[in-house]
Amino acid sequence: MTLASMIGGAAPVPGGAGVIEVGLIAGLTSAGVRQDQAVAAVFIERLYTAYLPLIRGWGALAHMRRSDYV
């Protein structure tokens, strides 16, 4: 994961989107994980680390606005 993140940081793509996933999939398949399972695992990891926190944060911000905290 560290090597994939380093390569993703050097890539000219914002946030290394796509590059990190390819590196993680390649690393998992070279470790013996089937490719279809590696793809599913990487995309589930991206969902949980990148997209679900945004949804929870939006819900928290909406609640705080309704309660006049913000």
PDB file of N, CA and C in Angstrom:
ATOM      1  N   MET A   1       0.824  -1.184   0.000  1.00  0.00           N
ATOM      2  CA  MET A   1       0.000   0.000   0.000  1.00  0.00           C
ATOM      3  C   MET A   1       0.870   1.251   0.000  1.00  0.00           C
ATOM      4  N   THR A   2       1.965   1.225   0.702  1.00  0.00           N
ATOM      5  CA  THR A   2       2.826   2.390   0.766  1.00  0.00           C
ATOM      6  C   THR A   2       3.426   2.698  -0.596  1.00  0.00           C
ATOM      7  N   LEU A   3       3.893   1.682  -1.299  1.00  0.00           N
ATOM      8  CA  LEU A   3       4.466   1.896  -2.626  1.00  0.00           C
ATOM      9  C   LEU A   3       3.409   2.424  -3.587  1.00  0.00           C
ATOM     10  N   ALA A   4       2.200   1.886  -3.520  1.00  0.00           N
ATOM     11  CA  ALA A   4       1.125   2.372  -4.392  1.00  0.00           C
ATOM     12  C   ALA A   4       0.793   3.826  -4.079  1.00  0.00           C
ATOM     13  N   SER A   5       0.815   4.210  -2.821  1.00  0.00           N
ATOM     14  CA  SER A   5       0.544   5.601  -2.446  1.00  0.00           C
ATOM     15  C   SER A   5       1.650   6.530  -2.916  1.00  0.00           C
ATOM     16  N   MET A   6       2.885   6.064  -2.843  1.00  0.00           N
ATOM     17  CA  MET A   6       4.002   6.888  -3.314  1.00  0.00           C
ATOM     18  C   MET A   6       3.914   7.111  -4.824  1.00  0.00           C
ATOM     19  N   ILE A   7       3.585   6.067  -5.561  1.00  0.00           N
ATOM     20  CA  ILE A   7       3.440   6.197  -7.012  1.00  0.00           C
ATOM     21  C   ILE A   7       2.241   7.083  -7.334  1.00  0.00           C
ATOM     22  N   GLY A   8       1.162   6.924  -6.595  1.00  0.00           N
ATOM     23  CA  GLY A   8      -0.026   7.749  -6.812  1.00  0.00           C
ATOM     24  C   GLY A   8       0.229   9.209  -6.522  1.00  0.00           C
ATOM     25  N   GLY A   9       1.084   9.498  -5.523  1.00  0.00           N
ATOM     26  CA  GLY A   9       1.428  10.879  -5.218  1.00  0.00           C
ATOM     27  C   GLY A   9       2.279  11.516  -6.291  1.00  0.00           C
ATOM     28  N   ALA A  10       3.069  10.707  -6.979  1.00  0.00           N
ATOM     29  CA  ALA A  10       3.931  11.236  -8.036  1.00  0.00           C
ATOM     30  C   ALA A  10       3.196  11.381  -9.363  1.00  0.00           C
ATOM     31  N   ALA A  11       2.074  10.705  -9.503  1.00  0.00           N
ATOM     32  CA  ALA A  11       1.315  10.763 -10.754  1.00  0.00           C
ATOM     33  C   ALA A  11       0.649  12.133 -10.898  1.00  0.00           C
ATOM     34  N   PRO A  12       0.525  12.611 -12.125  1.00  0.00           N
ATOM     35  CA  PRO A  12      -0.094  13.927 -12.344  1.00  0.00           C
ATOM     36  C   PRO A  12      -1.616  13.905 -12.305  1.00  0.00           C
ATOM     37  N   VAL A  13      -2.179  13.025 -11.504  1.00  0.00           N
ATOM     38  CA  VAL A  13      -3.631  12.902 -11.370  1.00  0.00           C
ATOM     39  C   VAL A  13      -3.997  13.371  -9.969  1.00  0.00           C
ATOM     40  N   PRO A  14      -5.024  14.194  -9.810  1.00  0.00           N
ATOM     41  CA  PRO A  14      -5.401  14.665  -8.476  1.00  0.00           C
ATOM     42  C   PRO A  14      -5.710  13.520  -7.514  1.00  0.00           C
ATOM     43  N   GLY A  15      -4.982  13.465  -6.426  1.00  0.00           N
ATOM     44  CA  GLY A  15      -5.197  12.442  -5.420  1.00  0.00           C
ATOM     45  C   GLY A  15      -4.727  11.065  -5.823  1.00  0.00           C
ATOM     46  N   GLY A  16      -4.081  10.947  -6.962  1.00  0.00           N
ATOM     47  CA  GLY A  16      -3.626   9.645  -7.428  1.00  0.00           C
ATOM     48  C   GLY A  16      -4.758   8.713  -7.798  1.00  0.00           C
ATOM     49  N   ALA A  17      -5.921   9.281  -8.103  1.00  0.00           N
ATOM     50  CA  ALA A  17      -7.101   8.466  -8.401  1.00  0.00           C
ATOM     51  C   ALA A  17      -6.826   7.554  -9.589  1.00  0.00           C
ATOM     52  N   GLY A  18      -7.040   6.301  -9.394  1.00  0.00           N
ATOM     53  CA  GLY A  18      -6.808   5.311 -10.440  1.00  0.00           C
ATOM     54  C   GLY A  18      -5.435   4.693 -10.367  1.00  0.00           C
ATOM     55  N   VAL A  19      -4.428   5.513 -10.141  1.00  0.00           N
ATOM     56  CA  VAL A  19      -3.055   5.013 -10.077  1.00  0.00           C
ATOM     57  C   VAL A  19      -2.856   4.177  -8.820  1.00  0.00           C
ATOM     58  N   ILE A  20      -3.363   4.655  -7.715  1.00  0.00           N
ATOM     59  CA  ILE A  20      -3.224   3.916  -6.458  1.00  0.00           C
ATOM     60  C   ILE A  20      -3.991   2.598  -6.550  1.00  0.00           C
ATOM     61  N   GLU A  21      -5.175   2.632  -7.132  1.00  0.00           N
ATOM     62  CA  GLU A  21      -5.967   1.415  -7.250  1.00  0.00           C
ATOM     63  C   GLU A  21      -5.251   0.376  -8.095  1.00  0.00           C
ATOM     64  N   VAL A  22      -4.659   0.799  -9.199  1.00  0.00           N
ATOM     65  CA  VAL A  22      -3.927  -0.131 -10.052  1.00  0.00           C
ATOM     66  C   VAL A  22      -2.755  -0.738  -9.288  1.00  0.00           C
ATOM     67  N   GLY A  23      -2.050   0.083  -8.516  1.00  0.00           N
ATOM     68  CA  GLY A  23      -0.934  -0.432  -7.728  1.00  0.00           C
ATOM     69  C   GLY A  23      -1.375  -1.424  -6.666  1.00  0.00           C
ATOM     70  N   LEU A  24      -2.481  -1.130  -6.008  1.00  0.00           N
ATOM     71  CA  LEU A  24      -2.990  -2.052  -4.993  1.00  0.00           C
ATOM     72  C   LEU A  24      -3.471  -3.365  -5.602  1.00  0.00           C
ATOM     73  N   ILE A  25      -4.141  -3.277  -6.736  1.00  0.00           N
ATOM     74  CA  ILE A  25      -4.596  -4.494  -7.410  1.00  0.00           C
ATOM     75  C   ILE A  25      -3.397  -5.327  -7.855  1.00  0.00           C
ATOM     76  N   ALA A  26      -2.391  -4.674  -8.399  1.00  0.00           N
ATOM     77  CA  ALA A  26      -1.188  -5.405  -8.825  1.00  0.00           C
ATOM     78  C   ALA A  26      -0.495  -6.047  -7.633  1.00  0.00           C
ATOM     79  N   GLY A  27      -0.421  -5.338  -6.527  1.00  0.00           N
ATOM     80  CA  GLY A  27       0.206  -5.899  -5.343  1.00  0.00           C
ATOM     81  C   GLY A  27      -0.553  -7.082  -4.782  1.00  0.00           C
ATOM     82  N   LEU A  28      -1.878  -6.986  -4.759  1.00  0.00           N
ATOM     83  CA  LEU A  28      -2.676  -8.100  -4.253  1.00  0.00           C
ATOM     84  C   LEU A  28      -2.584  -9.317  -5.167  1.00  0.00           C
ATOM     85  N   THR A  29      -2.619  -9.095  -6.475  1.00  0.00           N
ATOM     86  CA  THR A  29      -2.532 -10.240  -7.380  1.00  0.00           C
ATOM     87  C   THR A  29      -1.151 -10.880  -7.341  1.00  0.00           C
ATOM     88  N   SER A  30      -0.119 -10.084  -7.150  1.00  0.00           N
ATOM     89  CA  SER A  30       1.220 -10.681  -7.036  1.00  0.00           C
ATOM     90  C   SER A  30       1.382 -11.433  -5.719  1.00  0.00           C
ATOM     91  N   ALA A  31       0.561 -11.120  -4.725  1.00  0.00           N
ATOM     92  CA  ALA A  31       0.597 -11.833  -3.445  1.00  0.00           C
ATOM     93  C   ALA A  31      -0.244 -13.101  -3.476  1.00  0.00           C
ATOM     94  N   GLY A  32      -0.937 -13.348  -4.605  1.00  0.00           N
ATOM     95  CA  GLY A  32      -1.674 -14.589  -4.744  1.00  0.00           C
ATOM     96  C   GLY A  32      -3.184 -14.461  -4.678  1.00  0.00           C
ATOM     97  N   VAL A  33      -3.690 -13.260  -4.569  1.00  0.00           N
ATOM     98  CA  VAL A  33      -5.143 -13.051  -4.546  1.00  0.00           C
ATOM     99  C   VAL A  33      -5.640 -13.055  -5.990  1.00  0.00           C
ATOM    100  N   ARG A  34      -6.786 -13.720  -6.225  1.00  0.00           N
ATOM    101  CA  ARG A  34      -7.354 -13.715  -7.570  1.00  0.00           C
ATOM    102  C   ARG A  34      -7.686 -12.290  -7.983  1.00  0.00           C
ATOM    103  N   GLN A  35      -7.588 -12.006  -9.277  1.00  0.00           N
ATOM    104  CA  GLN A  35      -7.752 -10.636  -9.762  1.00  0.00           C
ATOM    105  C   GLN A  35      -9.144 -10.084  -9.483  1.00  0.00           C
ATOM    106  N   ASP A  36     -10.193 -10.876  -9.659  1.00  0.00           N
ATOM    107  CA  ASP A  36     -11.533 -10.357  -9.411  1.00  0.00           C
ATOM    108  C   ASP A  36     -11.743 -10.027  -7.934  1.00  0.00           C
ATOM    109  N   GLN A  37     -11.157 -10.816  -7.052  1.00  0.00           N
ATOM    110  CA  GLN A  37     -11.246 -10.518  -5.622  1.00  0.00           C
ATOM    111  C   GLN A  37     -10.410  -9.294  -5.259  1.00  0.00           C
ATOM    112  N   ALA A  38      -9.268  -9.133  -5.903  1.00  0.00           N
ATOM    113  CA  ALA A  38      -8.415  -7.971  -5.646  1.00  0.00           C
ATOM    114  C   ALA A  38      -9.105  -6.685  -6.080  1.00  0.00           C
ATOM    115  N   VAL A  39      -9.752  -6.713  -7.231  1.00  0.00           N
ATOM    116  CA  VAL A  39     -10.469  -5.523  -7.721  1.00  0.00           C
ATOM    117  C   VAL A  39     -11.599  -5.162  -6.768  1.00  0.00           C
ATOM    118  N   ALA A  40     -12.351  -6.165  -6.344  1.00  0.00           N
ATOM    119  CA  ALA A  40     -13.450  -5.899  -5.417  1.00  0.00           C
ATOM    120  C   ALA A  40     -12.933  -5.347  -4.090  1.00  0.00           C
ATOM    121  N   ALA A  41     -11.864  -5.917  -3.574  1.00  0.00           N
ATOM    122  CA  ALA A  41     -11.315  -5.457  -2.297  1.00  0.00           C
ATOM    123  C   ALA A  41     -10.812  -4.025  -2.383  1.00  0.00           C
ATOM    124  N   VAL A  42     -10.155  -3.687  -3.474  1.00  0.00           N
ATOM    125  CA  VAL A  42      -9.611  -2.329  -3.625  1.00  0.00           C
ATOM    126  C   VAL A  42     -10.733  -1.313  -3.758  1.00  0.00           C
ATOM    127  N   PHE A  43     -11.768  -1.632  -4.523  1.00  0.00           N
ATOM    128  CA  PHE A  43     -12.857  -0.672  -4.677  1.00  0.00           C
ATOM    129  C   PHE A  43     -13.696  -0.535  -3.414  1.00  0.00           C
ATOM    130  N   ILE A  44     -13.841  -1.600  -2.660  1.00  0.00           N
ATOM    131  CA  ILE A  44     -14.527  -1.493  -1.367  1.00  0.00           C
ATOM    132  C   ILE A  44     -13.707  -0.646  -0.409  1.00  0.00           C
ATOM    133  N   GLU A  45     -12.381  -0.822  -0.434  1.00  0.00           N
ATOM    134  CA  GLU A  45     -11.504  -0.001   0.417  1.00  0.00           C
ATOM    135  C   GLU A  45     -11.630   1.476   0.049  1.00  0.00           C
ATOM    136  N   ARG A  46     -11.663   1.778  -1.234  1.00  0.00           N
ATOM    137  CA  ARG A  46     -11.794   3.171  -1.686  1.00  0.00           C
ATOM    138  C   ARG A  46     -13.152   3.739  -1.273  1.00  0.00           C
ATOM    139  N   LEU A  47     -14.199   2.924  -1.353  1.00  0.00           N
ATOM    140  CA  LEU A  47     -15.526   3.362  -0.939  1.00  0.00           C
ATOM    141  C   LEU A  47     -15.535   3.744   0.535  1.00  0.00           C
ATOM    142  N   TYR A  48     -14.964   2.885   1.376  1.00  0.00           N
ATOM    143  CA  TYR A  48     -14.990   3.126   2.813  1.00  0.00           C
ATOM    144  C   TYR A  48     -14.065   4.255   3.250  1.00  0.00           C
ATOM    145  N   THR A  49     -12.975   4.484   2.546  1.00  0.00           N
ATOM    146  CA  THR A  49     -12.032   5.509   2.991  1.00  0.00           C
ATOM    147  C   THR A  49     -12.232   6.859   2.316  1.00  0.00           C
ATOM    148  N   ALA A  50     -12.868   6.891   1.151  1.00  0.00           N
ATOM    149  CA  ALA A  50     -12.974   8.155   0.428  1.00  0.00           C
ATOM    150  C   ALA A  50     -14.398   8.685   0.310  1.00  0.00           C
ATOM    151  N   TYR A  51     -15.378   7.813   0.159  1.00  0.00           N
ATOM    152  CA  TYR A  51     -16.716   8.298  -0.151  1.00  0.00           C
ATOM    153  C   TYR A  51     -17.681   8.264   1.032  1.00  0.00           C
ATOM    154  N   LEU A  52     -17.650   7.231   1.835  1.00  0.00           N
ATOM    155  CA  LEU A  52     -18.569   7.176   2.966  1.00  0.00           C
ATOM    156  C   LEU A  52     -18.322   8.273   3.998  1.00  0.00           C
ATOM    157  N   PRO A  53     -17.070   8.654   4.296  1.00  0.00           N
ATOM    158  CA  PRO A  53     -16.890   9.777   5.233  1.00  0.00           C
ATOM    159  C   PRO A  53     -17.509  11.084   4.722  1.00  0.00           C
ATOM    160  N   LEU A  54     -17.519  11.287   3.412  1.00  0.00           N
ATOM    161  CA  LEU A  54     -18.143  12.496   2.862  1.00  0.00           C
ATOM    162  C   LEU A  54     -19.642  12.502   3.111  1.00  0.00           C
ATOM    163  N   ILE A  55     -20.260  11.352   2.950  1.00  0.00           N
ATOM    164  CA  ILE A  55     -21.706  11.260   3.166  1.00  0.00           C
ATOM    165  C   ILE A  55     -22.029  11.497   4.636  1.00  0.00           C
ATOM    166  N   ARG A  56     -21.264  10.894   5.536  1.00  0.00           N
ATOM    167  CA  ARG A  56     -21.490  11.103   6.967  1.00  0.00           C
ATOM    168  C   ARG A  56     -21.230  12.559   7.353  1.00  0.00           C
ATOM    169  N   GLY A  57     -20.209  13.163   6.784  1.00  0.00           N
ATOM    170  CA  GLY A  57     -19.917  14.559   7.077  1.00  0.00           C
ATOM    171  C   GLY A  57     -21.000  15.494   6.586  1.00  0.00           C
ATOM    172  N   TRP A  58     -21.557  15.195   5.401  1.00  0.00           N
ATOM    173  CA  TRP A  58     -22.644  16.014   4.888  1.00  0.00           C
ATOM    174  C   TRP A  58     -23.848  15.921   5.818  1.00  0.00           C
ATOM    175  N   GLY A  59     -24.141  14.710   6.306  1.00  0.00           N
ATOM    176  CA  GLY A  59     -25.264  14.545   7.231  1.00  0.00           C
ATOM    177  C   GLY A  59     -25.038  15.291   8.534  1.00  0.00           C
ATOM    178  N   ALA A  60     -23.812  15.250   9.044  1.00  0.00           N
ATOM    179  CA  ALA A  60     -23.501  15.960  10.283  1.00  0.00           C
ATOM    180  C   ALA A  60     -23.603  17.471  10.088  1.00  0.00           C
ATOM    181  N   LEU A  61     -23.125  17.966   8.948  1.00  0.00           N
ATOM    182  CA  LEU A  61     -23.213  19.397   8.675  1.00  0.00           C
ATOM    183  C   LEU A  61     -24.666  19.845   8.538  1.00  0.00           C
ATOM    184  N   ALA A  62     -25.485  19.049   7.875  1.00  0.00           N
ATOM    185  CA  ALA A  62     -26.903  19.390   7.740  1.00  0.00           C
ATOM    186  C   ALA A  62     -27.578  19.438   9.102  1.00  0.00           C
ATOM    187  N   HIS A  63     -27.261  18.492   9.966  1.00  0.00           N
ATOM    188  CA  HIS A  63     -27.821  18.486  11.317  1.00  0.00           C
ATOM    189  C   HIS A  63     -27.359  19.713  12.102  1.00  0.00           C
ATOM    190  N   MET A  64     -26.090  20.059  11.983  1.00  0.00           N
ATOM    191  CA  MET A  64     -25.575  21.218  12.710  1.00  0.00           C
ATOM    192  C   MET A  64     -26.197  22.517  12.202  1.00  0.00           C
ATOM    193  N   ARG A  65     -26.470  22.601  10.909  1.00  0.00           N
ATOM    194  CA  ARG A  65     -27.125  23.792  10.372  1.00  0.00           C
ATOM    195  C   ARG A  65     -28.565  23.911  10.846  1.00  0.00           C
ATOM    196  N   ARG A  66     -29.274  22.773  10.908  1.00  0.00           N
ATOM    197  CA  ARG A  66     -30.646  22.798  11.412  1.00  0.00           C
ATOM    198  C   ARG A  66     -30.693  23.177  12.876  1.00  0.00           C
ATOM    199  N   SER A  67     -29.690  22.784  13.646  1.00  0.00           N
ATOM    200  CA  SER A  67     -29.649  23.076  15.078  1.00  0.00           C
ATOM    201  C   SER A  67     -29.001  24.421  15.393  1.00  0.00           C
ATOM    202  N   ASP A  68     -28.679  25.193  14.380  1.00  0.00           N
ATOM    203  CA  ASP A  68     -28.045  26.510  14.520  1.00  0.00           C
ATOM    204  C   ASP A  68     -26.700  26.457  15.237  1.00  0.00           C
ATOM    205  N   TYR A  69     -25.961  25.365  15.033  1.00  0.00           N
ATOM    206  CA  TYR A  69     -24.582  25.295  15.544  1.00  0.00           C
ATOM    207  C   TYR A  69     -23.613  25.944  14.570  1.00  0.00           C
ATOM    208  N   VAL A  70     -23.999  25.993  13.302  1.00  0.00           N
ATOM    209  CA  VAL A  70     -23.151  26.580  12.261  1.00  0.00           C
ATOM    210  C   VAL A  70     -23.916  27.653  11.556  1.00  0.00           C
TER     211      VAL A  70
END
